[in-house]
C-alpha atoms as a PDB file:
ATOM      1  CA  MET A   1      13.458  55.704 -51.277  1.00  0.00           C
ATOM      2  CA  ALA A   2      15.282  53.236 -53.483  1.00  0.00           C
ATOM      3  CA  VAL A   3      16.609  51.530 -50.364  1.00  0.00           C
ATOM      4  CA  LEU A   4      13.254  51.367 -48.540  1.00  0.00           C
ATOM      5  CA  VAL A   5      11.389  49.562 -51.349  1.00  0.00           C
ATOM      6  CA  PRO A   6      13.595  46.440 -51.386  1.00  0.00           C
ATOM      7  CA  ALA A   7      13.521  46.360 -47.579  1.00  0.00           C
ATOM      8  CA  ALA A   8       9.710  46.493 -47.552  1.00  0.00           C
ATOM      9  CA  VAL A   9       9.511  43.788 -50.222  1.00  0.00           C
ATOM     10  CA  ALA A  10      11.897  41.614 -48.214  1.00  0.00           C
ATOM     11  CA  GLY A  11       9.843  42.146 -45.055  1.00  0.00           C
ATOM     12  CA  LEU A  12       6.586  41.228 -46.774  1.00  0.00           C
ATOM     13  CA  THR A  13       8.208  38.170 -48.316  1.00  0.00           C
ATOM     14  CA  GLY A  14       9.499  37.092 -44.907  1.00  0.00           C
ATOM     15  CA  GLU A  15       6.061  37.497 -43.337  1.00  0.00           C
ATOM     16  CA  VAL A  16       4.457  35.482 -46.151  1.00  0.00           C
ATOM     17  CA  LEU A  17       7.026  32.707 -45.752  1.00  0.00           C
ATOM     18  CA  VAL A  18       6.559  32.630 -41.962  1.00  0.00           C
ATOM     19  CA  GLY A  19       2.781  32.469 -42.416  1.00  0.00           C
ATOM     20  CA  MET A  20       3.080  29.648 -44.925  1.00  0.00           C
ATOM     21  CA  ARG A  21       5.386  27.773 -42.525  1.00  0.00           C
ATOM     22  CA  ARG A  22       2.947  28.194 -39.653  1.00  0.00           C
ATOM     23  CA  ARG A  23       0.027  26.960 -41.783  1.00  0.00           C
ATOM     24  CA  ALA A  24       2.070  23.923 -42.875  1.00  0.00           C
ATOM     25  CA  VAL A  25       2.966  23.098 -39.291  1.00  0.00           C
ATOM     26  CA  ARG A  26      -0.689  23.544 -38.241  1.00  0.00           C
ATOM     27  CA  ARG A  27      -1.864  21.173 -41.001  1.00  0.00           C
ATOM     28  CA  ARG A  28       0.684  18.574 -39.895  1.00  0.00           C
ATOM     29  CA  ILE A  29      -0.477  18.844 -36.321  1.00  0.00           C
ATOM     30  CA  GLU A  30      -4.106  18.543 -37.413  1.00  0.00           C
ATOM     31  CA  ARG A  31      -3.257  15.439 -39.412  1.00  0.00           C
ATOM     32  CA  CYS A  32      -1.374  13.902 -36.483  1.00  0.00           C
ATOM     33  CA  VAL A  33      -3.949  14.669 -33.792  1.00  0.00           C
ATOM     34  CA  PRO A  34      -6.522  12.051 -34.889  1.00  0.00           C
ATOM     35  CA  VAL A  35      -3.806   9.398 -35.036  1.00  0.00           C
ATOM     36  CA  MET A  36      -2.551  10.297 -31.581  1.00  0.00           C
ATOM     37  CA  SER A  37      -6.071  10.341 -30.211  1.00  0.00           C
ATOM     38  CA  ALA A  38      -6.824   6.916 -31.672  1.00  0.00           C
ATOM     39  CA  SER A  39      -3.616   5.469 -30.230  1.00  0.00           C
ATOM     40  CA  ALA A  40      -4.389   7.035 -26.872  1.00  0.00           C
ATOM     41  CA  VAL A  41      -7.865   5.549 -26.981  1.00  0.00           C
ATOM     42  CA  ARG A  42      -6.433   2.146 -27.845  1.00  0.00           C
ATOM     43  CA  ASP A  43      -3.890   2.410 -25.029  1.00  0.00           C
ATOM     44  CA  GLY A  44      -6.609   3.405 -22.594  1.00  0.00           C
ATOM     45  CA  ARG A  45      -8.782   0.512 -23.659  1.00  0.00           C
ATOM     46  CA  CYS A  46      -5.870  -1.934 -23.328  1.00  0.00           C
ATOM     47  CA  GLU A  47      -5.023  -0.565 -19.900  1.00  0.00           C
ATOM     48  CA  ARG A  48      -8.612  -0.862 -18.710  1.00  0.00           C
ATOM     49  CA  ALA A  49      -8.839  -4.392 -20.120  1.00  0.00           C
ATOM     50  CA  GLY A  50      -5.593  -5.360 -18.369  1.00  0.00           C
ATOM     51  CA  ALA A  51      -6.817  -3.890 -15.094  1.00  0.00           C
ATOM     52  CA  ALA A  52     -10.078  -5.818 -15.441  1.00  0.00           C
ATOM     53  CA  VAL A  53      -8.175  -9.051 -16.102  1.00  0.00           C
ATOM     54  CA  ARG A  54      -5.938  -8.444 -13.086  1.00  0.00           C
ATOM     55  CA  ARG A  55      -8.951  -7.753 -10.868  1.00  0.00           C
ATOM     56  CA  TRP A  56     -10.661 -10.912 -12.127  1.00  0.00           C
ATOM     57  CA  LEU A  57      -7.552 -13.007 -11.504  1.00  0.00           C
ATOM     58  CA  GLY A  58      -7.149 -11.419  -8.096  1.00  0.00           C
ATOM     59  CA  ARG A  59     -10.722 -12.321  -7.136  1.00  0.00           C
ATOM     60  CA  LEU A  60     -10.223 -15.822  -8.481  1.00  0.00           C
ATOM     61  CA  ALA A  61      -6.818 -16.589  -7.007  1.00  0.00           C
ATOM     62  CA  GLY A  62      -6.910 -14.370  -3.945  1.00  0.00           C
ATOM     63  CA  ASP A  63      -3.584 -14.407  -2.114  1.00  0.00           C
ATOM     64  CA  ARG A  64      -2.647 -17.930  -3.299  1.00  0.00           C
ATOM     65  CA  PRO A  65      -2.379 -17.808  -7.117  1.00  0.00           C
ATOM     66  CA  LEU A  66      -0.032 -20.817  -7.183  1.00  0.00           C
ATOM     67  CA  ALA A  67      -2.756 -23.010  -5.691  1.00  0.00           C
ATOM     68  CA  VAL A  68      -5.182 -22.049  -8.458  1.00  0.00           C
ATOM     69  CA  LEU A  69      -2.485 -22.625 -11.087  1.00  0.00           C
ATOM     70  CA  LEU A  70      -1.691 -26.074  -9.707  1.00  0.00           C
ATOM     71  CA  GLY A  71      -5.370 -27.026  -9.612  1.00  0.00           C
ATOM     72  CA  VAL A  72      -5.982 -25.908 -13.186  1.00  0.00           C
ATOM     73  CA  SER A  73      -2.800 -27.630 -14.399  1.00  0.00           C
ATOM     74  CA  ALA A  74      -3.708 -30.894 -12.689  1.00  0.00           C
ATOM     75  CA  GLY A  75      -7.208 -30.807 -14.177  1.00  0.00           C
ATOM     76  CA  VAL A  76      -5.863 -30.142 -17.673  1.00  0.00           C
ATOM     77  CA  LEU A  77      -3.185 -32.850 -17.431  1.00  0.00           C
ATOM     78  CA  VAL A  78      -5.567 -35.547 -16.177  1.00  0.00           C
ATOM     79  CA  GLY A  79      -8.437 -34.490 -18.443  1.00  0.00           C
ATOM     80  CA  GLY A  80     -11.957 -35.771 -18.678  1.00  0.00           C
ATOM     81  CA  GLY A  81     -14.169 -36.417 -15.700  1.00  0.00           C
ATOM     82  CA  ALA A  82     -11.194 -37.465 -13.588  1.00  0.00           C
ATOM     83  CA  GLY A  83      -9.548 -34.116 -14.275  1.00  0.00           C
ATOM     84  CA  ALA A  84     -12.682 -32.309 -13.123  1.00  0.00           C
ATOM     85  CA  VAL A  85     -12.332 -34.152  -9.805  1.00  0.00           C
ATOM     86  CA  VAL A  86      -8.544 -34.154  -9.439  1.00  0.00           C
ATOM     87  CA  GLY A  87      -8.090 -30.468 -10.328  1.00  0.00           C
ATOM     88  CA  PRO A  88     -10.264 -29.051  -7.510  1.00  0.00           C
ATOM     89  CA  LEU A  89      -8.746 -31.528  -5.026  1.00  0.00           C
ATOM     90  CA  VAL A  90      -5.206 -30.517  -5.937  1.00  0.00           C
ATOM     91  CA  GLY A  91      -6.138 -26.845  -5.845  1.00  0.00           C
ATOM     92  CA  TRP A  92      -7.794 -27.216  -2.429  1.00  0.00           C
ATOM     93  CA  ALA A  93      -4.785 -29.091  -1.016  1.00  0.00           C
ATOM     94  CA  ALA A  94      -2.387 -26.486  -2.377  1.00  0.00           C
ATOM     95  CA  TRP A  95      -4.620 -23.692  -1.038  1.00  0.00           C
ATOM     96  CA  ARG A  96      -4.435 -25.196   2.453  1.00  0.00           C
ATOM     97  CA  LEU A  97      -0.735 -26.122   2.428  1.00  0.00           C
ATOM     98  CA  LEU A  98       1.008 -23.414   0.421  1.00  0.00           C
ATOM     99  CA  PRO A  99       1.714 -20.041   2.064  1.00  0.00           C
ATOM    100  CA  ARG A 100      -0.200 -17.042   0.838  1.00  0.00           C
ATOM    101  CA  VAL A 101       1.424 -14.324  -1.242  1.00  0.00           C
ATOM    102  CA  ARG A 102       1.987 -11.172   0.780  1.00  0.00           C
ATOM    103  CA  SER A 103       2.061  -7.656  -0.586  1.00  0.00           C
ATOM    104  CA  PRO A 104       5.260  -5.549  -0.367  1.00  0.00           C
ATOM    105  CA  ASP A 105       3.727  -3.479   2.438  1.00  0.00           C
ATOM    106  CA  GLU A 106       2.942  -6.610   4.429  1.00  0.00           C
ATOM    107  CA  ARG A 107       6.465  -7.959   3.908  1.00  0.00           C
ATOM    108  CA  TRP A 108       7.955  -4.627   4.956  1.00  0.00           C
ATOM    109  CA  ARG A 109       5.806  -4.511   8.105  1.00  0.00           C
ATOM    110  CA  ALA A 110       6.735  -8.100   8.980  1.00  0.00           C
ATOM    111  CA  ALA A 111      10.454  -7.358   8.533  1.00  0.00           C
ATOM    112  CA  GLU A 112      10.151  -4.214  10.652  1.00  0.00           C
ATOM    113  CA  HIS A 113       8.298  -6.182  13.342  1.00  0.00           C
ATOM    114  CA  ASP A 114      11.095  -8.771  13.442  1.00  0.00           C
ATOM    115  CA  TRP A 115      13.796  -6.107  13.687  1.00  0.00           C
ATOM    116  CA  LEU A 116      12.015  -4.332  16.530  1.00  0.00           C
ATOM    117  CA  VAL A 117      11.608  -7.593  18.446  1.00  0.00           C
ATOM    118  CA  ARG A 118      15.322  -8.336  18.015  1.00  0.00           C
ATOM    119  CA  GLN A 119      16.325  -4.835  19.133  1.00  0.00           C
ATOM    120  CA  LEU A 120      14.011  -4.809  22.152  1.00  0.00           C
ATOM    121  CA  PRO A 121      16.306  -6.563  24.714  1.00  0.00           C
ATOM    122  CA  LEU A 122      19.314  -4.328  23.995  1.00  0.00           C
ATOM    123  CA  THR A 123      17.105  -1.237  24.028  1.00  0.00           C
ATOM    124  CA  ALA A 124      15.664  -2.210  27.406  1.00  0.00           C
ATOM    125  CA  GLU A 125      19.142  -2.696  28.871  1.00  0.00           C
ATOM    126  CA  LEU A 126      20.364   0.641  27.510  1.00  0.00           C
ATOM    127  CA  LEU A 127      17.319   2.442  28.900  1.00  0.00           C
ATOM    128  CA  ALA A 128      17.865   0.746  32.259  1.00  0.00           C
ATOM    129  CA  ALA A 129      21.481   1.952  32.296  1.00  0.00           C
ATOM    130  CA  CYS A 130      20.543   5.520  31.334  1.00  0.00           C
ATOM    131  CA  LEU A 131      17.653   5.788  33.770  1.00  0.00           C
ATOM    132  CA  GLY A 132      19.767   4.198  36.509  1.00  0.00           C
ATOM    133  CA  SER A 133      22.346   6.966  36.112  1.00  0.00           C
ATOM    134  CA  SER A 134      19.789   9.617  37.123  1.00  0.00           C
ATOM    135  CA  SER A 135      19.001  10.699  33.584  1.00  0.00           C
ATOM    136  CA  SER A 136      15.595  12.145  32.755  1.00  0.00           C
ATOM    137  CA  PRO A 137      13.251  10.066  30.570  1.00  0.00           C
ATOM    138  CA  ALA A 138      13.756  12.439  27.630  1.00  0.00           C
ATOM    139  CA  GLU A 139      17.559  12.318  27.930  1.00  0.00           C
ATOM    140  CA  ALA A 140      17.541   8.528  28.292  1.00  0.00           C
ATOM    141  CA  ALA A 141      15.300   8.038  25.272  1.00  0.00           C
ATOM    142  CA  GLY A 142      17.387  10.447  23.183  1.00  0.00           C
ATOM    143  CA  ALA A 143      20.688   8.829  24.171  1.00  0.00           C
ATOM    144  CA  VAL A 144      19.425   5.328  23.393  1.00  0.00           C
ATOM    145  CA  ALA A 145      17.932   6.539  20.102  1.00  0.00           C
ATOM    146  CA  ASP A 146      21.387   7.785  19.077  1.00  0.00           C
ATOM    147  CA  SER A 147      22.911   4.404  19.981  1.00  0.00           C
ATOM    148  CA  VAL A 148      20.567   1.957  18.248  1.00  0.00           C
ATOM    149  CA  PRO A 149      19.938   1.527  14.496  1.00  0.00           C
ATOM    150  CA  SER A 150      16.678   1.807  12.620  1.00  0.00           C
ATOM    151  CA  PRO A 151      13.778   1.159  13.008  1.00  0.00           C
ATOM    152  CA  MET A 152      14.155   1.491  16.797  1.00  0.00           C
ATOM    153  CA  ARG A 153      15.904   4.833  16.404  1.00  0.00           C
ATOM    154  CA  GLU A 154      12.890   6.538  14.822  1.00  0.00           C
ATOM    155  CA  ARG A 155      10.521   5.217  17.492  1.00  0.00           C
ATOM    156  CA  LEU A 156      12.663   6.381  20.404  1.00  0.00           C
ATOM    157  CA  SER A 157      13.454   9.705  18.742  1.00  0.00           C
ATOM    158  CA  GLY A 158       9.740  10.480  18.522  1.00  0.00           C
ATOM    159  CA  VAL A 159       9.248   9.575  22.182  1.00  0.00           C
ATOM    160  CA  ALA A 160      12.257  11.674  23.200  1.00  0.00           C
ATOM    161  CA  ALA A 161      10.931  14.677  21.260  1.00  0.00           C
ATOM    162  CA  ARG A 162       7.513  14.427  22.904  1.00  0.00           C
ATOM    163  CA  LEU A 163       9.081  14.057  26.355  1.00  0.00           C
ATOM    164  CA  ALA A 164      11.322  17.074  25.730  1.00  0.00           C
ATOM    165  CA  LEU A 165       8.246  19.142  24.844  1.00  0.00           C
ATOM    166  CA  GLY A 166       6.751  18.391  28.260  1.00  0.00           C
ATOM    167  CA  ALA A 167       4.372  15.515  27.569  1.00  0.00           C
ATOM    168  CA  GLY A 168       3.748  13.023  30.353  1.00  0.00           C
ATOM    169  CA  PRO A 169       5.911   9.882  30.285  1.00  0.00           C
ATOM    170  CA  GLU A 170       2.956   7.541  30.735  1.00  0.00           C
ATOM    171  CA  HIS A 171       1.126   9.232  27.857  1.00  0.00           C
ATOM    172  CA  CYS A 172       4.177   9.034  25.543  1.00  0.00           C
ATOM    173  CA  TRP A 173       4.912   5.393  26.329  1.00  0.00           C
ATOM    174  CA  GLY A 174       1.244   4.488  26.049  1.00  0.00           C
ATOM    175  CA  GLN A 175       1.066   6.102  22.625  1.00  0.00           C
ATOM    176  CA  LEU A 176       4.184   4.152  21.588  1.00  0.00           C
ATOM    177  CA  ALA A 177       2.494   0.922  22.678  1.00  0.00           C
ATOM    178  CA  ASP A 178      -0.579   1.785  20.604  1.00  0.00           C
ATOM    179  CA  ASP A 179       1.384   2.812  17.514  1.00  0.00           C
ATOM    180  CA  CYS A 180       3.970   0.017  17.606  1.00  0.00           C
ATOM    181  CA  PRO A 181       2.736  -3.334  19.025  1.00  0.00           C
ATOM    182  CA  PRO A 182       6.224  -4.985  19.055  1.00  0.00           C
ATOM    183  CA  LEU A 183       7.360  -2.354  21.579  1.00  0.00           C
ATOM    184  CA  ALA A 184       4.248  -2.697  23.737  1.00  0.00           C
ATOM    185  CA  PRO A 185       6.040  -4.682  26.538  1.00  0.00           C
ATOM    186  CA  LEU A 186       8.752  -2.021  26.804  1.00  0.00           C
ATOM    187  CA  ALA A 187       6.234   0.837  26.713  1.00  0.00           C
ATOM    188  CA  ARG A 188       3.982  -0.784  29.333  1.00  0.00           C
ATOM    189  CA  CYS A 189       6.948  -1.419  31.608  1.00  0.00           C
ATOM    190  CA  LEU A 190       8.124   2.203  31.429  1.00  0.00           C
ATOM    191  CA  ALA A 191       4.593   3.578  31.794  1.00  0.00           C
ATOM    192  CA  ARG A 192       4.001   1.380  34.847  1.00  0.00           C
ATOM    193  CA  THR A 193       7.229   2.442  36.538  1.00  0.00           C
ATOM    194  CA  SER A 194       6.584   6.118  35.772  1.00  0.00           C
ATOM    195  CA  LEU A 195       3.154   5.914  37.408  1.00  0.00           C
ATOM    196  CA  SER A 196       4.286   3.940  40.454  1.00  0.00           C
ATOM    197  CA  GLY A 197       7.575   5.790  40.941  1.00  0.00           C
ATOM    198  CA  ALA A 198       9.539   2.541  41.239  1.00  0.00           C
ATOM    199  CA  PRO A 199      13.078   2.351  39.811  1.00  0.00           C
ATOM    200  CA  PRO A 200      12.782   1.115  36.224  1.00  0.00           C
ATOM    201  CA  ALA A 201      16.216  -0.545  36.040  1.00  0.00           C
ATOM    202  CA  ALA A 202      15.172  -3.864  37.576  1.00  0.00           C
ATOM    203  CA  ALA A 203      11.963  -4.061  35.532  1.00  0.00           C
ATOM    204  CA  LEU A 204      13.798  -3.280  32.296  1.00  0.00           C
ATOM    205  CA  ALA A 205      16.512  -5.846  33.044  1.00  0.00           C
ATOM    206  CA  GLY A 206      13.859  -8.492  33.702  1.00  0.00           C
ATOM    207  CA  LEU A 207      12.102  -7.529  30.465  1.00  0.00           C
ATOM    208  CA  ALA A 208      15.345  -7.888  28.493  1.00  0.00           C
ATOM    209  CA  GLN A 209      16.009 -11.302  30.023  1.00  0.00           C
ATOM    210  CA  SER A 210      12.488 -12.547  29.297  1.00  0.00           C
ATOM    211  CA  GLN A 211      12.622 -11.282  25.709  1.00  0.00           C
ATOM    212  CA  ARG A 212      15.945 -13.053  25.109  1.00  0.00           C
ATOM    213  CA  ALA A 213      14.528 -16.278  26.561  1.00  0.00           C
ATOM    214  CA  ALA A 214      11.462 -16.014  24.312  1.00  0.00           C
ATOM    215  CA  ALA A 215      13.694 -15.409  21.272  1.00  0.00           C
ATOM    216  CA  ALA A 216      15.784 -18.478  22.155  1.00  0.00           C
ATOM    217  CA  ARG A 217      12.658 -20.639  22.487  1.00  0.00           C
ATOM    218  CA  ALA A 218      11.364 -19.383  19.141  1.00  0.00           C
ATOM    219  CA  ALA A 219      14.727 -20.132  17.492  1.00  0.00           C
ATOM    220  CA  HIS A 220      14.734 -23.686  18.888  1.00  0.00           C
ATOM    221  CA  ALA A 221      11.174 -24.183  17.641  1.00  0.00           C
ATOM    222  CA  ARG A 222      12.168 -23.015  14.146  1.00  0.00           C
ATOM    223  CA  VAL A 223      15.135 -25.401  14.145  1.00  0.00           C
ATOM    224  CA  ARG A 224      12.947 -28.358  15.131  1.00  0.00           C
ATOM    225  CA  ARG A 225      10.378 -27.416  12.499  1.00  0.00           C
ATOM    226  CA  ALA A 226      13.093 -27.158   9.853  1.00  0.00           C
ATOM    227  CA  GLY A 227      14.244 -30.689  10.717  1.00  0.00           C
ATOM    228  CA  VAL A 228      10.718 -32.030  10.335  1.00  0.00           C
ATOM    229  CA  LEU A 229      10.228 -30.229   7.030  1.00  0.00           C
ATOM    230  CA  ALA A 230      13.565 -31.537   5.762  1.00  0.00           C
ATOM    231  CA  THR A 231      12.606 -35.155   6.442  1.00  0.00           C
ATOM    232  CA  ALA A 232       9.168 -34.852   4.822  1.00  0.00           C
ATOM    233  CA  PRO A 233      10.461 -34.925   1.182  1.00  0.00           C
ATOM    234  CA  LEU A 234      12.663 -37.909   2.038  1.00  0.00           C
ATOM    235  CA  GLY A 235       9.649 -39.748   3.404  1.00  0.00           C
ATOM    236  CA  LEU A 236       7.601 -38.924   0.311  1.00  0.00           C
ATOM    237  CA  CYS A 237      10.396 -40.281  -1.900  1.00  0.00           C
ATOM    238  CA  PHE A 238      11.394 -43.408   0.066  1.00  0.00           C
ATOM    239  CA  LEU A 239       7.970 -44.601   1.181  1.00  0.00           C
ATOM    240  CA  PRO A 240       6.631 -45.284  -2.360  1.00  0.00           C
ATOM    241  CA  ALA A 241       9.966 -46.879  -3.266  1.00  0.00           C
ATOM    242  CA  PHE A 242       9.789 -49.133  -0.202  1.00  0.00           C
ATOM    243  CA  VAL A 243       6.229 -50.126  -1.045  1.00  0.00           C
ATOM    244  CA  LEU A 244       7.053 -50.856  -4.693  1.00  0.00           C
ATOM    245  CA  ILE A 245      10.321 -52.703  -4.037  1.00  0.00           C
ATOM    246  CA  GLY A 246       9.678 -54.421  -0.723  1.00  0.00           C
ATOM    247  CA  VAL A 247       5.941 -54.870  -0.245  1.00  0.00           C
ATOM    248  CA  VAL A 248       4.535 -55.315  -3.753  1.00  0.00           C
ATOM    249  CA  PRO A 249       6.846 -58.202  -4.766  1.00  0.00           C
ATOM    250  CA  VAL A 250       6.087 -60.071  -1.542  1.00  0.00           C
ATOM    251  CA  VAL A 251       2.350 -59.638  -1.932  1.00  0.00           C
ATOM    252  CA  THR A 252       2.547 -60.618  -5.606  1.00  0.00           C
ATOM    253  CA  GLY A 253       4.583 -63.725  -4.799  1.00  0.00           C
ATOM    254  CA  LEU A 254       2.261 -64.808  -2.025  1.00  0.00           C
ATOM    255  CA  THR A 255      -0.741 -64.275  -4.275  1.00  0.00           C
ATOM    256  CA  ALA A 256       0.802 -66.330  -7.047  1.00  0.00           C
ATOM    257  CA  ALA A 257       1.775 -69.108  -4.602  1.00  0.00           C
ATOM    258  CA  PHE A 258      -1.673 -69.309  -3.069  1.00  0.00           C
ATOM    259  CA  SER A 259      -3.341 -69.214  -6.496  1.00  0.00           C
ATOM    260  CA  GLN A 260      -1.313 -72.237  -7.700  1.00  0.00           C
ATOM    261  CA  ARG A 261      -2.413 -74.440  -4.799  1.00  0.00           C
ATOM    262  CA  PRO A 262      -5.218 -76.888  -5.559  1.00  0.00           C
END
């Protein structure tokens, strides 16, 4: 009995202390909750305001924010009524001349399109070699898919899987043409040969040759365009200098000479 009394007192004391600790923690939480709620409200308001500003700027600038910035800067620098005229003119010229800003998805799709176009001639030649060696369309597509890098690998792997499951070749190649426009020439060529029963090797070799010729013409066009664009800044720099140094002094001298005559 003498042992149980101190134990009971110790237990009650422990429960009282635990209860007091819980109440203290609850009061602290209650005091902190309004502060946290207010900060959350402020953060939410700031986020909504920032989203509204971004939407407004997006509607104003569209996909060419640099053009709007140049127009506003030109108007502010000139100032007055002239700035109200010069700013919109500069903004309109920049809007027409400067390239638009593309989203990351658009840039990724453009890069994928370029890679598929570059891989198309080699893929056509590999398919021609596989199909010319009496391979089935599914085996040829699978073998070429294992030999080429992405993104062509994923496209041909999907076609090979559908062909292995028993789908018609014309249906599979037609679906590839619909899903991936850069591979539409290859898909149409294979679908046409599968329907007509003609050997696809010659058609695929001709497709590869035509695609390489088109790529060479496009590369030559880009080189010529780069030369023209490289000379444009030189013309913009030297033409005003030529006018100021060569033409203006002559015109000024002739004007002064003619003005001095009786």
